[in-house]
Amino acid sequence: MAVGVVDVELPSFSQIAPETAMAPALSVDSTSDENLIVLLDHGGPESVESHRQKSAKNDNALVPTIFWARQPSTNALMTSEKNPLDVLRNNLFLPLWRKRIWRSWANYYKEQIAQEGYAEADQVADKGGAVECLQYAANCTWWEWAGGSKLFFWRWPEPIRHLARDGMPMCIKGELPRYRVPQQKERDPLRREMVADKVGNVLKKGYIGKGKVESLTSYFDVPKGEGDRRMVYDATKCGLNDAIWVPSFSLPDADTLLDIVENCSWMADIDIGEMFLNFPLDKFLQPYCGVDLGPYLLEVVSWLRWLRCAMCLKPSPYVA
């Protein structure tokens, strides 16, 4: 399954590698986490405390590659301009992984072609979906899905493979809306620029695309972390969520976790970026998930629609 960057809250850097808690060129007390300085992503110096920020990090925050930049043999921090581990990742491991993705698709397609019941419609859908998947794999880095991501549907079990490719059908309990109120533009120039960047990123990754639009959803921004904004996509105001039925399902809470936690337990805060957006949206529902990006992206002259399970949609947690 294709996922985004995994953000894990790490223990103290001095606990991970006490003998190499600082780069040789930096004169800092290695026993103090408050004063400890490390080089993050081979860029400028930044304190561990500022790196270990609140869980709400900026969307464009860098991956803390420093924690994977130590020599396996000595656990020593490598600060050279060209990290040997990065060379291996980018020039060997990543190309090998991409080759395995291509081979797994090719083998799947050969097996399906050999079957008499492989319908032409499935062939077209499979090839179209595979092209997108392989493009995402070609554009990703070792650390993140820079160009977006999508489920490698051919790797899923046969009974639900078509759902991973086309999306899970939704249960409609009421009349679908016809909400066609255009999106309002943010008045503040700085916030308007940040919103434009975020909706443009979603469009660039192929999560929003062209198609017939019967009804619009809306969106707005709220504060996130320090100096960033979080996009909130709203499918309630237009009435879409009220027309969709989703079965209930159990969701563990903090009390459930505490039942199995001991004084020696290790815990991590894992944030899987763009989790819902990996899953395709039911094609029947897509026309009612329109998006008006015109106020922020001048090159967009017509309404678009969601192609993936956005955060605003009531079924997204259940589908993902």
C-alpha atoms as a PDB file:
ATOM      1  CA  MET A   1       0.000   0.000   0.000  1.00  0.00           C
ATOM      2  CA  ALA A   2       1.380   3.405  -0.944  1.00  0.00           C
ATOM      3  CA  VAL A   3       1.611   5.793   1.936  1.00  0.00           C
ATOM      4  CA  GLY A   4       3.181   9.132   2.614  1.00  0.00           C
ATOM      5  CA  VAL A   5       5.932  10.101   5.047  1.00  0.00           C
ATOM      6  CA  VAL A   6       5.846   8.438   8.479  1.00  0.00           C
ATOM      7  CA  ASP A   7       6.480  10.956  11.262  1.00  0.00           C
ATOM      8  CA  VAL A   8       7.719   9.197  14.422  1.00  0.00           C
ATOM      9  CA  GLU A   9       8.476  10.933  17.706  1.00  0.00           C
ATOM     10  CA  LEU A  10      12.031   9.848  18.439  1.00  0.00           C
ATOM     11  CA  PRO A  11      13.822   9.508  21.791  1.00  0.00           C
ATOM     12  CA  SER A  12      16.542  11.912  22.874  1.00  0.00           C
ATOM     13  CA  PHE A  13      19.375  12.132  20.368  1.00  0.00           C
ATOM     14  CA  SER A  14      21.866  11.717  23.196  1.00  0.00           C
ATOM     15  CA  GLN A  15      20.116   8.447  24.106  1.00  0.00           C
ATOM     16  CA  ILE A  16      20.331   7.148  20.545  1.00  0.00           C
ATOM     17  CA  ALA A  17      24.044   7.808  20.092  1.00  0.00           C
ATOM     18  CA  PRO A  18      25.564   9.296  23.278  1.00  0.00           C
ATOM     19  CA  GLU A  19      29.110   9.036  21.981  1.00  0.00           C
ATOM     20  CA  THR A  20      28.256  10.962  18.803  1.00  0.00           C
ATOM     21  CA  ALA A  21      25.526  13.276  20.000  1.00  0.00           C
ATOM     22  CA  MET A  22      27.092  16.209  18.200  1.00  0.00           C
ATOM     23  CA  ALA A  23      29.030  16.845  15.037  1.00  0.00           C
ATOM     24  CA  PRO A  24      32.792  17.205  15.573  1.00  0.00           C
ATOM     25  CA  ALA A  25      32.859  20.809  14.384  1.00  0.00           C
ATOM     26  CA  LEU A  26      30.268  21.927  16.955  1.00  0.00           C
ATOM     27  CA  SER A  27      31.261  22.894  20.481  1.00  0.00           C
ATOM     28  CA  VAL A  28      28.189  22.039  22.556  1.00  0.00           C
ATOM     29  CA  ASP A  29      27.530  20.213  25.816  1.00  0.00           C
ATOM     30  CA  SER A  30      26.494  16.748  24.609  1.00  0.00           C
ATOM     31  CA  THR A  31      24.768  15.868  27.893  1.00  0.00           C
ATOM     32  CA  SER A  32      22.117  18.594  27.601  1.00  0.00           C
ATOM     33  CA  ASP A  33      19.185  18.066  25.272  1.00  0.00           C
ATOM     34  CA  GLU A  34      18.277  21.733  25.563  1.00  0.00           C
ATOM     35  CA  ASN A  35      21.644  22.844  24.175  1.00  0.00           C
ATOM     36  CA  LEU A  36      22.254  19.882  21.881  1.00  0.00           C
ATOM     37  CA  ILE A  37      22.815  20.864  18.253  1.00  0.00           C
ATOM     38  CA  VAL A  38      22.614  18.514  15.318  1.00  0.00           C
ATOM     39  CA  LEU A  39      22.781  19.034  11.592  1.00  0.00           C
ATOM     40  CA  LEU A  40      19.389  18.304  10.098  1.00  0.00           C
ATOM     41  CA  ASP A  41      19.252  17.078   6.534  1.00  0.00           C
ATOM     42  CA  HIS A  42      22.812  18.383   6.033  1.00  0.00           C
ATOM     43  CA  GLY A  43      21.416  21.918   6.159  1.00  0.00           C
ATOM     44  CA  GLY A  44      21.963  24.461   8.931  1.00  0.00           C
ATOM     45  CA  PRO A  45      22.165  23.813  12.678  1.00  0.00           C
ATOM     46  CA  GLU A  46      18.917  23.350  14.547  1.00  0.00           C
ATOM     47  CA  SER A  47      18.232  22.351  18.137  1.00  0.00           C
ATOM     48  CA  VAL A  48      16.805  18.927  18.868  1.00  0.00           C
ATOM     49  CA  GLU A  49      14.053  20.569  20.892  1.00  0.00           C
ATOM     50  CA  SER A  50      12.976  22.707  17.936  1.00  0.00           C
ATOM     51  CA  HIS A  51      13.119  19.628  15.711  1.00  0.00           C
ATOM     52  CA  ARG A  52      11.028  17.642  18.175  1.00  0.00           C
ATOM     53  CA  GLN A  53       8.166  20.090  17.687  1.00  0.00           C
ATOM     54  CA  LYS A  54       4.517  19.606  18.425  1.00  0.00           C
ATOM     55  CA  SER A  55       2.756  16.897  16.468  1.00  0.00           C
ATOM     56  CA  ALA A  56       1.295  19.595  14.179  1.00  0.00           C
ATOM     57  CA  LYS A  57       4.302  20.132  11.936  1.00  0.00           C
ATOM     58  CA  ASN A  58       4.296  22.264   8.847  1.00  0.00           C
ATOM     59  CA  ASP A  59       3.257  20.421   5.696  1.00  0.00           C
ATOM     60  CA  ASN A  60       6.581  21.241   4.056  1.00  0.00           C
ATOM     61  CA  ALA A  61       8.694  20.181   7.061  1.00  0.00           C
ATOM     62  CA  LEU A  62      11.803  18.253   6.040  1.00  0.00           C
ATOM     63  CA  VAL A  63      12.223  14.581   6.845  1.00  0.00           C
ATOM     64  CA  PRO A  64      14.754  14.263   9.753  1.00  0.00           C
ATOM     65  CA  THR A  65      17.233  12.253   7.705  1.00  0.00           C
ATOM     66  CA  ILE A  66      19.942  12.881  10.306  1.00  0.00           C
ATOM     67  CA  PHE A  67      18.703   9.852  12.256  1.00  0.00           C
ATOM     68  CA  TRP A  68      19.510   7.606   9.292  1.00  0.00           C
ATOM     69  CA  ALA A  69      22.892   9.211   8.528  1.00  0.00           C
ATOM     70  CA  ARG A  70      25.146   7.196  10.855  1.00  0.00           C
ATOM     71  CA  GLN A  71      27.616   4.549   9.762  1.00  0.00           C
ATOM     72  CA  PRO A  72      26.159   1.086  10.469  1.00  0.00           C
ATOM     73  CA  SER A  73      29.519  -0.257  11.681  1.00  0.00           C
ATOM     74  CA  THR A  74      30.460   2.447  14.206  1.00  0.00           C
ATOM     75  CA  ASN A  75      27.135   4.291  14.651  1.00  0.00           C
ATOM     76  CA  ALA A  76      29.152   7.452  14.030  1.00  0.00           C
ATOM     77  CA  LEU A  77      27.439  10.497  12.575  1.00  0.00           C
ATOM     78  CA  MET A  78      28.546  11.135   9.002  1.00  0.00           C
ATOM     79  CA  THR A  79      28.720  14.814   8.119  1.00  0.00           C
ATOM     80  CA  SER A  80      30.462  14.597   4.757  1.00  0.00           C
ATOM     81  CA  GLU A  81      28.836  16.362   1.826  1.00  0.00           C
ATOM     82  CA  LYS A  82      28.082  13.080   0.074  1.00  0.00           C
ATOM     83  CA  ASN A  83      26.704  10.541   2.502  1.00  0.00           C
ATOM     84  CA  PRO A  84      27.557   6.978   1.386  1.00  0.00           C
ATOM     85  CA  LEU A  85      24.217   5.749   2.701  1.00  0.00           C
ATOM     86  CA  ASP A  86      22.386   8.313   0.563  1.00  0.00           C
ATOM     87  CA  VAL A  87      24.352   7.128  -2.473  1.00  0.00           C
ATOM     88  CA  LEU A  88      23.232   3.550  -1.806  1.00  0.00           C
ATOM     89  CA  ARG A  89      19.626   4.567  -1.250  1.00  0.00           C
ATOM     90  CA  ASN A  90      19.345   6.766  -4.342  1.00  0.00           C
ATOM     91  CA  ASN A  91      21.523   4.818  -6.782  1.00  0.00           C
ATOM     92  CA  LEU A  92      20.881   1.216  -5.755  1.00  0.00           C
ATOM     93  CA  PHE A  93      17.988   0.530  -3.397  1.00  0.00           C
ATOM     94  CA  LEU A  94      15.445   2.964  -4.890  1.00  0.00           C
ATOM     95  CA  PRO A  95      16.014   1.853  -8.514  1.00  0.00           C
ATOM     96  CA  LEU A  96      15.787  -1.791  -7.406  1.00  0.00           C
ATOM     97  CA  TRP A  97      12.506  -1.098  -5.625  1.00  0.00           C
ATOM     98  CA  ARG A  98      11.099   0.630  -8.708  1.00  0.00           C
ATOM     99  CA  LYS A  99      12.150  -2.322 -10.834  1.00  0.00           C
ATOM    100  CA  ARG A 100      10.344  -4.692  -8.475  1.00  0.00           C
ATOM    101  CA  ILE A 101       7.182  -2.576  -8.742  1.00  0.00           C
ATOM    102  CA  TRP A 102       7.335  -2.760 -12.542  1.00  0.00           C
ATOM    103  CA  ARG A 103       7.975  -6.517 -12.521  1.00  0.00           C
ATOM    104  CA  SER A 104       5.096  -7.164 -10.116  1.00  0.00           C
ATOM    105  CA  TRP A 105       2.730  -5.272 -12.451  1.00  0.00           C
ATOM    106  CA  ALA A 106       4.074  -6.995 -15.573  1.00  0.00           C
ATOM    107  CA  ASN A 107       3.674 -10.431 -13.995  1.00  0.00           C
ATOM    108  CA  TYR A 108       0.139  -9.611 -12.856  1.00  0.00           C
ATOM    109  CA  TYR A 109      -0.869  -8.374 -16.312  1.00  0.00           C
ATOM    110  CA  LYS A 110       0.559 -11.443 -18.042  1.00  0.00           C
ATOM    111  CA  GLU A 111      -1.401 -13.692 -15.704  1.00  0.00           C
ATOM    112  CA  GLN A 112      -4.637 -11.770 -16.343  1.00  0.00           C
ATOM    113  CA  ILE A 113      -4.168 -11.779 -20.139  1.00  0.00           C
ATOM    114  CA  ALA A 114      -3.780 -15.566 -20.011  1.00  0.00           C
ATOM    115  CA  GLN A 115      -7.220 -15.870 -18.433  1.00  0.00           C
ATOM    116  CA  GLU A 116     -10.241 -16.111 -20.709  1.00  0.00           C
ATOM    117  CA  GLY A 117     -12.488 -14.085 -18.386  1.00  0.00           C
ATOM    118  CA  TYR A 118     -10.319 -10.958 -18.419  1.00  0.00           C
ATOM    119  CA  ALA A 119     -12.825  -8.413 -19.724  1.00  0.00           C
ATOM    120  CA  GLU A 120     -11.749  -5.558 -21.990  1.00  0.00           C
ATOM    121  CA  ALA A 121     -13.112  -2.988 -19.508  1.00  0.00           C
ATOM    122  CA  ASP A 122     -10.905  -4.448 -16.780  1.00  0.00           C
ATOM    123  CA  GLN A 123      -7.898  -4.370 -19.107  1.00  0.00           C
ATOM    124  CA  VAL A 124      -8.405  -0.659 -19.778  1.00  0.00           C
ATOM    125  CA  ALA A 125      -8.959   0.125 -16.086  1.00  0.00           C
ATOM    126  CA  ASP A 126      -5.951  -1.937 -15.026  1.00  0.00           C
ATOM    127  CA  LYS A 127      -3.599  -0.313 -17.521  1.00  0.00           C
ATOM    128  CA  GLY A 128      -4.815   3.189 -16.722  1.00  0.00           C
ATOM    129  CA  GLY A 129      -4.434   2.635 -12.987  1.00  0.00           C
ATOM    130  CA  ALA A 130      -1.011   1.033 -13.408  1.00  0.00           C
ATOM    131  CA  VAL A 131       0.277   3.997 -15.429  1.00  0.00           C
ATOM    132  CA  GLU A 132      -0.602   6.314 -12.546  1.00  0.00           C
ATOM    133  CA  CYS A 133       0.993   4.003  -9.968  1.00  0.00           C
ATOM    134  CA  LEU A 134       4.227   3.660 -11.932  1.00  0.00           C
ATOM    135  CA  GLN A 135       4.408   7.434 -12.434  1.00  0.00           C
ATOM    136  CA  TYR A 136       4.060   7.972  -8.690  1.00  0.00           C
ATOM    137  CA  ALA A 137       6.791   5.414  -8.051  1.00  0.00           C
ATOM    138  CA  ALA A 138       9.072   7.127 -10.584  1.00  0.00           C
ATOM    139  CA  ASN A 139       8.575  10.537  -8.945  1.00  0.00           C
ATOM    140  CA  CYS A 140       9.038   9.495  -5.324  1.00  0.00           C
ATOM    141  CA  THR A 141      12.235   9.755  -3.294  1.00  0.00           C
ATOM    142  CA  TRP A 142      13.579   7.386  -0.668  1.00  0.00           C
ATOM    143  CA  TRP A 143      11.923   9.522   2.008  1.00  0.00           C
ATOM    144  CA  GLU A 144       8.612  10.693   0.604  1.00  0.00           C
ATOM    145  CA  TRP A 145       6.038  10.450  -2.166  1.00  0.00           C
ATOM    146  CA  ALA A 146       6.931  13.825  -3.636  1.00  0.00           C
ATOM    147  CA  GLY A 147       4.609  13.495  -6.639  1.00  0.00           C
ATOM    148  CA  GLY A 148       1.717  11.830  -4.829  1.00  0.00           C
ATOM    149  CA  SER A 149       0.760   8.192  -4.272  1.00  0.00           C
ATOM    150  CA  LYS A 150      -1.844   5.592  -5.120  1.00  0.00           C
ATOM    151  CA  LEU A 151      -2.661   2.038  -4.081  1.00  0.00           C
ATOM    152  CA  PHE A 152      -0.769  -0.645  -6.015  1.00  0.00           C
ATOM    153  CA  PHE A 153      -4.074  -2.399  -6.596  1.00  0.00           C
ATOM    154  CA  TRP A 154      -2.651  -5.479  -8.362  1.00  0.00           C
ATOM    155  CA  ARG A 155      -0.944  -6.478  -5.102  1.00  0.00           C
ATOM    156  CA  TRP A 156      -4.237  -6.621  -3.215  1.00  0.00           C
ATOM    157  CA  PRO A 157      -6.193  -9.865  -2.699  1.00  0.00           C
ATOM    158  CA  GLU A 158      -8.296 -10.804  -5.714  1.00  0.00           C
ATOM    159  CA  PRO A 159     -11.752 -10.382  -4.036  1.00  0.00           C
ATOM    160  CA  ILE A 160     -11.124  -6.702  -3.235  1.00  0.00           C
ATOM    161  CA  ARG A 161      -8.645  -5.806  -5.967  1.00  0.00           C
ATOM    162  CA  HIS A 162     -11.249  -3.918  -7.998  1.00  0.00           C
ATOM    163  CA  LEU A 163     -12.120  -1.857  -4.901  1.00  0.00           C
ATOM    164  CA  ALA A 164      -8.487  -0.821  -4.489  1.00  0.00           C
ATOM    165  CA  ARG A 165      -8.447   0.201  -8.152  1.00  0.00           C
ATOM    166  CA  ASP A 166     -11.872   1.854  -8.591  1.00  0.00           C
ATOM    167  CA  GLY A 167     -12.969   2.747  -5.058  1.00  0.00           C
ATOM    168  CA  MET A 168     -15.529   1.315  -2.657  1.00  0.00           C
ATOM    169  CA  PRO A 169     -19.202   1.908  -3.604  1.00  0.00           C
ATOM    170  CA  MET A 170     -20.988   4.289  -1.243  1.00  0.00           C
ATOM    171  CA  CYS A 171     -24.379   3.758   0.373  1.00  0.00           C
ATOM    172  CA  ILE A 172     -26.732   6.641  -0.459  1.00  0.00           C
ATOM    173  CA  LYS A 173     -29.563   7.208   2.034  1.00  0.00           C
ATOM    174  CA  GLY A 174     -30.963  10.499   0.767  1.00  0.00           C
ATOM    175  CA  GLU A 175     -31.151  12.886  -2.154  1.00  0.00           C
ATOM    176  CA  LEU A 176     -27.743  13.967  -3.402  1.00  0.00           C
ATOM    177  CA  PRO A 177     -27.170  17.735  -3.278  1.00  0.00           C
ATOM    178  CA  ARG A 178     -27.018  20.295  -6.075  1.00  0.00           C
ATOM    179  CA  TYR A 179     -24.868  22.866  -4.278  1.00  0.00           C
ATOM    180  CA  ARG A 180     -23.316  25.258  -6.797  1.00  0.00           C
ATOM    181  CA  VAL A 181     -22.209  28.236  -4.712  1.00  0.00           C
ATOM    182  CA  PRO A 182     -18.744  29.378  -5.915  1.00  0.00           C
ATOM    183  CA  GLN A 183     -15.794  29.288  -3.507  1.00  0.00           C
ATOM    184  CA  GLN A 184     -15.045  32.558  -1.695  1.00  0.00           C
ATOM    185  CA  LYS A 185     -11.501  33.951  -1.887  1.00  0.00           C
ATOM    186  CA  GLU A 186      -9.462  34.594   1.261  1.00  0.00           C
ATOM    187  CA  ARG A 187      -8.960  38.344   1.729  1.00  0.00           C
ATOM    188  CA  ASP A 188      -5.589  38.257   3.473  1.00  0.00           C
ATOM    189  CA  PRO A 189      -2.837  38.128   0.767  1.00  0.00           C
ATOM    190  CA  LEU A 190      -0.487  35.917   2.812  1.00  0.00           C
ATOM    191  CA  ARG A 191      -3.168  33.399   3.685  1.00  0.00           C
ATOM    192  CA  ARG A 192      -4.422  33.475   0.103  1.00  0.00           C
ATOM    193  CA  GLU A 193      -0.950  32.572  -1.127  1.00  0.00           C
ATOM    194  CA  MET A 194      -0.660  29.687   1.355  1.00  0.00           C
ATOM    195  CA  VAL A 195      -4.098  28.325   0.407  1.00  0.00           C
ATOM    196  CA  ALA A 196      -3.203  28.537  -3.283  1.00  0.00           C
ATOM    197  CA  ASP A 197      -0.019  26.559  -2.631  1.00  0.00           C
ATOM    198  CA  LYS A 198      -1.881  23.812  -0.752  1.00  0.00           C
ATOM    199  CA  VAL A 199      -4.763  23.336  -3.174  1.00  0.00           C
ATOM    200  CA  GLY A 200      -2.269  23.517  -6.032  1.00  0.00           C
ATOM    201  CA  ASN A 201      -0.280  20.696  -4.429  1.00  0.00           C
ATOM    202  CA  VAL A 202      -3.379  18.482  -4.225  1.00  0.00           C
ATOM    203  CA  LEU A 203      -4.178  19.232  -7.852  1.00  0.00           C
ATOM    204  CA  LYS A 204      -0.599  18.567  -8.990  1.00  0.00           C
ATOM    205  CA  LYS A 205      -0.602  15.147  -7.339  1.00  0.00           C
ATOM    206  CA  GLY A 206      -3.733  14.073  -9.198  1.00  0.00           C
ATOM    207  CA  TYR A 207      -6.041  13.859  -6.203  1.00  0.00           C
ATOM    208  CA  ILE A 208      -8.367  16.364  -7.887  1.00  0.00           C
ATOM    209  CA  GLY A 209      -9.127  16.203 -11.593  1.00  0.00           C
ATOM    210  CA  LYS A 210     -11.477  16.964 -14.455  1.00  0.00           C
ATOM    211  CA  GLY A 211     -14.949  15.538 -14.878  1.00  0.00           C
ATOM    212  CA  LYS A 212     -18.638  16.344 -14.745  1.00  0.00           C
ATOM    213  CA  VAL A 213     -19.623  18.320 -11.629  1.00  0.00           C
ATOM    214  CA  GLU A 214     -23.188  18.211 -10.296  1.00  0.00           C
ATOM    215  CA  SER A 215     -22.479  19.738  -6.886  1.00  0.00           C
ATOM    216  CA  LEU A 216     -19.648  21.574  -5.127  1.00  0.00           C
ATOM    217  CA  THR A 217     -17.916  21.097  -1.810  1.00  0.00           C
ATOM    218  CA  SER A 218     -16.129  23.973  -0.061  1.00  0.00           C
ATOM    219  CA  TYR A 219     -12.891  24.496   1.836  1.00  0.00           C
ATOM    220  CA  PHE A 220     -11.227  26.917   4.245  1.00  0.00           C
ATOM    221  CA  ASP A 221      -7.988  27.178   6.212  1.00  0.00           C
ATOM    222  CA  VAL A 222      -7.188  27.115   9.944  1.00  0.00           C
ATOM    223  CA  PRO A 223      -3.904  27.636  11.858  1.00  0.00           C
ATOM    224  CA  LYS A 224      -1.479  24.714  12.013  1.00  0.00           C
ATOM    225  CA  GLY A 225       1.771  24.598  13.978  1.00  0.00           C
ATOM    226  CA  GLU A 226       3.918  27.690  13.767  1.00  0.00           C
ATOM    227  CA  GLY A 227       3.309  29.806  10.685  1.00  0.00           C
ATOM    228  CA  ASP A 228       1.457  27.188   8.641  1.00  0.00           C
ATOM    229  CA  ARG A 229      -2.188  26.667   7.683  1.00  0.00           C
ATOM    230  CA  ARG A 230      -4.242  23.478   7.573  1.00  0.00           C
ATOM    231  CA  MET A 231      -6.804  23.004   4.831  1.00  0.00           C
ATOM    232  CA  VAL A 232     -10.279  21.917   5.935  1.00  0.00           C
ATOM    233  CA  TYR A 233     -12.375  20.494   3.110  1.00  0.00           C
ATOM    234  CA  ASP A 234     -16.097  20.665   3.896  1.00  0.00           C
ATOM    235  CA  ALA A 235     -18.682  18.265   2.485  1.00  0.00           C
ATOM    236  CA  THR A 236     -21.218  18.961   5.249  1.00  0.00           C
ATOM    237  CA  LYS A 237     -22.242  22.507   4.327  1.00  0.00           C
ATOM    238  CA  CYS A 238     -23.316  21.363   0.864  1.00  0.00           C
ATOM    239  CA  GLY A 239     -25.375  18.508   2.325  1.00  0.00           C
ATOM    240  CA  LEU A 240     -23.363  15.656   0.794  1.00  0.00           C
ATOM    241  CA  ASN A 241     -22.437  13.958   4.075  1.00  0.00           C
ATOM    242  CA  ASP A 242     -26.090  13.917   5.152  1.00  0.00           C
ATOM    243  CA  ALA A 243     -26.967  11.923   2.030  1.00  0.00           C
ATOM    244  CA  ILE A 244     -24.352   9.198   2.660  1.00  0.00           C
ATOM    245  CA  TRP A 245     -24.725   6.263   5.058  1.00  0.00           C
ATOM    246  CA  VAL A 246     -21.630   4.729   6.634  1.00  0.00           C
ATOM    247  CA  PRO A 247     -21.653   1.735   9.008  1.00  0.00           C
ATOM    248  CA  SER A 248     -20.251   2.320  12.470  1.00  0.00           C
ATOM    249  CA  PHE A 249     -16.945   0.754  13.420  1.00  0.00           C
ATOM    250  CA  SER A 250     -14.915   0.617  16.615  1.00  0.00           C
ATOM    251  CA  LEU A 251     -12.045   3.044  17.129  1.00  0.00           C
ATOM    252  CA  PRO A 252      -9.591   2.522  20.030  1.00  0.00           C
ATOM    253  CA  ASP A 253      -9.099   5.503  22.331  1.00  0.00           C
ATOM    254  CA  ALA A 254      -6.580   6.478  25.018  1.00  0.00           C
ATOM    255  CA  ASP A 255      -8.244   4.266  27.647  1.00  0.00           C
ATOM    256  CA  THR A 256      -7.849   1.244  25.364  1.00  0.00           C
ATOM    257  CA  LEU A 257      -4.148   2.007  24.984  1.00  0.00           C
ATOM    258  CA  LEU A 258      -3.544   2.463  28.714  1.00  0.00           C
ATOM    259  CA  ASP A 259      -4.897  -1.041  29.388  1.00  0.00           C
ATOM    260  CA  ILE A 260      -1.834  -2.532  27.693  1.00  0.00           C
ATOM    261  CA  VAL A 261       0.830   0.022  28.675  1.00  0.00           C
ATOM    262  CA  GLU A 262       3.458  -0.853  31.271  1.00  0.00           C
ATOM    263  CA  ASN A 263       6.245   1.193  32.869  1.00  0.00           C
ATOM    264  CA  CYS A 264       8.717  -0.255  30.354  1.00  0.00           C
ATOM    265  CA  SER A 265       6.546   0.290  27.247  1.00  0.00           C
ATOM    266  CA  TRP A 266       7.798   2.254  24.235  1.00  0.00           C
ATOM    267  CA  MET A 267       5.308   4.392  22.339  1.00  0.00           C
ATOM    268  CA  ALA A 268       5.525   6.391  19.127  1.00  0.00           C
ATOM    269  CA  ASP A 269       3.344   9.016  17.471  1.00  0.00           C
ATOM    270  CA  ILE A 270       2.968   7.911  13.840  1.00  0.00           C
ATOM    271  CA  ASP A 271       1.436  10.264  11.290  1.00  0.00           C
ATOM    272  CA  ILE A 272       0.828   8.740   7.867  1.00  0.00           C
ATOM    273  CA  GLY A 273       0.661  11.665   5.459  1.00  0.00           C
ATOM    274  CA  GLU A 274      -2.142  11.820   2.880  1.00  0.00           C
ATOM    275  CA  MET A 275      -3.536   8.524   4.150  1.00  0.00           C
ATOM    276  CA  PHE A 276      -7.113   8.972   2.883  1.00  0.00           C
ATOM    277  CA  LEU A 277      -5.914  10.388  -0.435  1.00  0.00           C
ATOM    278  CA  ASN A 278      -4.322   7.056  -1.359  1.00  0.00           C
ATOM    279  CA  PHE A 279      -7.779   5.545  -1.744  1.00  0.00           C
ATOM    280  CA  PRO A 280      -9.844   6.176  -4.906  1.00  0.00           C
ATOM    281  CA  LEU A 281     -13.262   7.756  -4.534  1.00  0.00           C
ATOM    282  CA  ASP A 282     -16.339   5.938  -5.800  1.00  0.00           C
ATOM    283  CA  LYS A 283     -16.865   7.126  -9.384  1.00  0.00           C
ATOM    284  CA  PHE A 284     -20.610   7.455  -8.842  1.00  0.00           C
ATOM    285  CA  LEU A 285     -19.970   9.959  -6.048  1.00  0.00           C
ATOM    286  CA  GLN A 286     -17.263  11.996  -7.797  1.00  0.00           C
ATOM    287  CA  PRO A 287     -19.661  14.365  -9.663  1.00  0.00           C
ATOM    288  CA  TYR A 288     -21.065  15.450  -6.275  1.00  0.00           C
ATOM    289  CA  CYS A 289     -17.598  16.222  -4.883  1.00  0.00           C
ATOM    290  CA  GLY A 290     -16.828  19.231  -7.029  1.00  0.00           C
ATOM    291  CA  VAL A 291     -14.149  21.779  -6.102  1.00  0.00           C
ATOM    292  CA  ASP A 292     -13.900  25.395  -7.237  1.00  0.00           C
ATOM    293  CA  LEU A 293     -10.184  26.270  -7.355  1.00  0.00           C
ATOM    294  CA  GLY A 294     -10.658  29.309  -9.611  1.00  0.00           C
ATOM    295  CA  PRO A 295     -10.315  31.934  -6.840  1.00  0.00           C
ATOM    296  CA  TYR A 296      -6.798  30.681  -6.039  1.00  0.00           C
ATOM    297  CA  LEU A 297      -5.470  29.132  -9.258  1.00  0.00           C
ATOM    298  CA  LEU A 298      -5.933  31.386 -12.256  1.00  0.00           C
ATOM    299  CA  GLU A 299      -5.048  28.609 -14.708  1.00  0.00           C
ATOM    300  CA  VAL A 300      -8.083  26.595 -13.555  1.00  0.00           C
ATOM    301  CA  VAL A 301     -11.011  27.899 -15.590  1.00  0.00           C
ATOM    302  CA  SER A 302     -13.605  25.225 -14.762  1.00  0.00           C
ATOM    303  CA  TRP A 303     -14.789  23.318 -11.730  1.00  0.00           C
ATOM    304  CA  LEU A 304     -12.910  20.147 -10.874  1.00  0.00           C
ATOM    305  CA  ARG A 305     -13.821  17.231  -8.629  1.00  0.00           C
ATOM    306  CA  TRP A 306     -12.285  14.984  -6.020  1.00  0.00           C
ATOM    307  CA  LEU A 307     -10.915  11.692  -7.374  1.00  0.00           C
ATOM    308  CA  ARG A 308      -9.730  10.399  -3.990  1.00  0.00           C
ATOM    309  CA  CYS A 309     -11.250  10.035  -0.520  1.00  0.00           C
ATOM    310  CA  ALA A 310     -10.817  13.525   0.918  1.00  0.00           C
ATOM    311  CA  MET A 311     -10.774  14.246   4.641  1.00  0.00           C
ATOM    312  CA  CYS A 312     -14.124  16.029   4.385  1.00  0.00           C
ATOM    313  CA  LEU A 313     -16.076  12.980   3.239  1.00  0.00           C
ATOM    314  CA  LYS A 314     -17.987  10.984   5.803  1.00  0.00           C
ATOM    315  CA  PRO A 315     -17.001   7.551   4.362  1.00  0.00           C
ATOM    316  CA  SER A 316     -13.251   8.293   4.165  1.00  0.00           C
ATOM    317  CA  PRO A 317     -12.274   6.881   7.612  1.00  0.00           C
ATOM    318  CA  TYR A 318     -14.307   3.754   6.923  1.00  0.00           C
ATOM    319  CA  VAL A 319     -12.904   3.243   3.416  1.00  0.00           C
ATOM    320  CA  ALA A 320      -9.288   3.866   4.428  1.00  0.00           C
END
